Amino acid sequence: MANTYTQIYLQFVFSVKYRDAAINKDWKDELYKYISGIVKNNNHKTICINGMSDHIHILVGLNPAQSISNLLQDIKGSSSKWINEKRLVKGNFEWQEGYGAFSYSQSQIKDVIAYIENQEEHHKKTSFNEEYLDFLKKFEVSYNEKYTFKELI
């Protein structure tokens, strides 16, 4: 009997709408657990999740049965609904439209986990916009700066 075997590691990066610092330290761990539950319910594996008050990084072992866009739509839609239903922010919480998805090999996973776990230290030196543009350049992703994550002006 034939089987399908895969090993697909993706890091997803996305921000709060207008890069608002809306993710509070008091409830961010609960948010990360909730998002990990969404990932698991979609038959993927959360390897690492962390972020800052304005964005999130998630390293996932991806099941190829679901598209990346459908998974991210579920993560972002369900988690923003959860935040709003729990009234964790004043007003309405929204994620910025779009996301980054970057692939890694097995040999890179320890470094990616360390990078994600070390977000607070990393962002003492680098802004989210700089970080995100660095990802796009490192992975040689063609982009239009007009459509990268923007802050409210």
Protein backbone atom coordinates (compact mmCIF):
# COMPACT_ATOMS: atom_id res chain seq x y z
CA MET A 1 0.00 0.00 0.00
CA ALA A 2 1.40 3.40 -1.02
CA ASN A 3 1.68 6.19 1.54
CA THR A 4 2.48 9.86 1.39
CA TYR A 5 5.34 11.13 3.54
CA THR A 6 6.24 14.78 3.86
CA GLN A 7 8.47 17.03 5.91
CA ILE A 8 7.47 20.64 5.27
CA TYR A 9 8.50 23.40 7.68
CA LEU A 10 7.11 26.89 7.25
CA GLN A 11 7.50 30.04 9.30
CA PHE A 12 4.50 32.33 9.11
CA VAL A 13 4.85 36.02 9.96
CA PHE A 14 1.95 38.45 10.21
CA SER A 15 1.14 41.64 12.06
CA VAL A 16 -1.65 43.40 13.85
CA LYS A 17 -3.51 45.83 11.59
CA TYR A 18 -1.57 49.09 11.23
CA ARG A 19 1.14 47.49 13.37
CA ASP A 20 -0.81 48.49 16.45
CA ALA A 21 0.85 47.20 19.65
CA ALA A 22 -2.37 45.40 20.63
CA ILE A 23 -1.08 42.01 21.81
CA ASN A 24 -0.74 42.38 25.57
CA LYS A 25 1.82 40.40 27.60
CA ASP A 26 -0.98 39.51 30.06
CA TRP A 27 -2.79 37.36 27.48
CA LYS A 28 -0.30 36.64 24.69
CA ASP A 29 0.48 33.10 25.98
CA GLU A 30 -3.24 32.32 25.96
CA LEU A 31 -3.42 33.64 22.38
CA TYR A 32 -0.47 31.46 21.35
CA LYS A 33 -2.16 28.39 22.88
CA TYR A 34 -5.37 29.24 21.04
CA ILE A 35 -3.52 29.61 17.73
CA SER A 36 -1.63 26.34 18.38
CA GLY A 37 -5.02 24.68 18.84
CA ILE A 38 -6.18 26.00 15.46
CA VAL A 39 -3.01 24.63 13.85
CA LYS A 40 -3.51 21.23 15.51
CA ASN A 41 -7.21 21.10 14.59
CA ASN A 42 -6.15 21.57 10.96
CA ASN A 43 -3.78 18.55 11.26
CA HIS A 44 -0.55 20.53 11.32
CA LYS A 45 2.05 20.77 14.10
CA THR A 46 3.03 23.98 15.90
CA ILE A 47 6.76 23.76 16.52
CA CYS A 48 7.26 27.27 17.91
CA ILE A 49 5.20 30.44 18.32
CA ASN A 50 6.22 33.83 19.67
CA GLY A 51 6.15 37.46 18.73
CA MET A 52 5.88 41.00 19.89
CA SER A 53 2.96 43.26 20.74
CA ASP A 54 2.49 44.03 17.02
CA HIS A 55 3.30 40.76 15.20
CA ILE A 56 3.61 36.97 15.44
CA HIS A 57 5.98 34.27 14.15
CA ILE A 58 4.74 30.67 13.94
CA LEU A 59 6.91 27.72 12.88
CA VAL A 60 4.68 24.91 11.62
CA GLY A 61 5.15 21.37 10.40
CA LEU A 62 2.72 21.57 7.49
CA ASN A 63 0.33 18.86 6.35
CA PRO A 64 0.06 19.34 2.56
CA ALA A 65 -3.65 18.40 2.56
CA GLN A 66 -4.52 22.04 3.35
CA SER A 67 -3.40 25.13 1.47
CA ILE A 68 -1.28 27.72 3.24
CA SER A 69 -3.83 30.45 2.50
CA ASN A 70 -6.69 28.43 4.02
CA LEU A 71 -4.67 27.70 7.15
CA LEU A 72 -3.70 31.37 7.60
CA GLN A 73 -7.27 32.50 6.96
CA ASP A 74 -8.42 30.15 9.74
CA ILE A 75 -5.65 31.22 12.14
CA LYS A 76 -6.16 34.94 11.61
CA GLY A 77 -9.96 34.88 11.39
CA SER A 78 -10.53 32.60 14.37
CA SER A 79 -7.94 34.27 16.60
CA SER A 80 -9.19 37.80 15.92
CA LYS A 81 -12.76 36.62 16.65
CA TRP A 82 -11.50 35.03 19.90
CA ILE A 83 -9.70 38.25 20.95
CA ASN A 84 -12.81 40.33 20.21
CA GLU A 85 -15.22 37.94 21.95
CA LYS A 86 -13.03 37.97 25.08
CA ARG A 87 -12.80 41.79 24.81
CA LEU A 88 -9.05 41.69 25.28
CA VAL A 89 -8.57 45.00 23.43
CA LYS A 90 -10.44 48.29 23.30
CA GLY A 91 -12.32 48.54 20.04
CA ASN A 92 -12.07 45.91 17.32
CA PHE A 93 -8.96 43.73 16.91
CA GLU A 94 -7.83 42.90 13.37
CA TRP A 95 -4.78 41.33 11.78
CA GLN A 96 -3.13 43.15 8.89
CA GLU A 97 -4.07 41.77 5.49
CA GLY A 98 -1.47 39.35 4.12
CA TYR A 99 1.34 37.33 5.64
CA GLY A 100 4.80 35.97 4.98
CA ALA A 101 5.44 32.23 4.60
CA PHE A 102 9.05 31.05 4.51
CA SER A 103 10.27 27.47 4.11
CA TYR A 104 13.09 25.70 5.94
CA SER A 105 14.93 22.40 5.87
CA GLN A 106 15.25 20.04 8.85
CA SER A 107 18.83 21.22 9.44
CA GLN A 108 17.64 24.82 9.96
CA ILE A 109 14.88 24.15 12.49
CA LYS A 110 16.96 24.66 15.68
CA ASP A 111 18.12 28.06 14.44
CA VAL A 112 14.60 29.11 13.45
CA ILE A 113 13.24 28.07 16.86
CA ALA A 114 15.99 30.07 18.59
CA TYR A 115 15.21 33.08 16.39
CA ILE A 116 11.48 32.94 17.16
CA GLU A 117 12.04 32.40 20.89
CA ASN A 118 14.43 35.38 20.98
CA GLN A 119 12.03 37.96 19.50
CA GLU A 120 12.21 40.42 22.40
CA GLU A 121 16.01 40.64 22.20
CA HIS A 122 16.01 40.76 18.39
CA HIS A 123 13.58 43.69 18.29
CA LYS A 124 15.73 45.81 20.57
CA LYS A 125 17.92 46.27 17.47
CA THR A 126 15.58 45.75 14.51
CA SER A 127 12.08 47.05 13.75
CA PHE A 128 9.38 44.75 12.43
CA ASN A 129 9.46 46.48 9.03
CA GLU A 130 13.23 45.95 8.79
CA GLU A 131 12.85 42.33 9.90
CA TYR A 132 10.12 41.62 7.37
CA LEU A 133 11.97 43.23 4.46
CA ASP A 134 15.08 41.24 5.48
CA PHE A 135 13.03 38.02 5.21
CA LEU A 136 11.78 38.98 1.76
CA LYS A 137 15.31 39.77 0.57
CA LYS A 138 16.91 36.69 2.19
CA PHE A 139 14.34 34.38 0.58
CA GLU A 140 14.54 36.30 -2.72
CA VAL A 141 10.82 37.07 -2.73
CA SER A 142 9.80 39.70 -5.26
CA TYR A 143 7.72 42.37 -3.56
CA ASN A 144 6.32 45.84 -3.96
CA GLU A 145 7.05 47.95 -0.89
CA LYS A 146 3.61 49.52 -1.35
CA TYR A 147 2.12 46.18 -0.27
CA THR A 148 4.29 45.38 2.74
CA PHE A 149 2.92 45.81 6.26
CA LYS A 150 2.26 49.46 6.98
CA GLU A 151 1.74 51.52 10.10
CA LEU A 152 -1.19 53.90 10.54
CA ILE A 153 -0.03 57.36 9.54
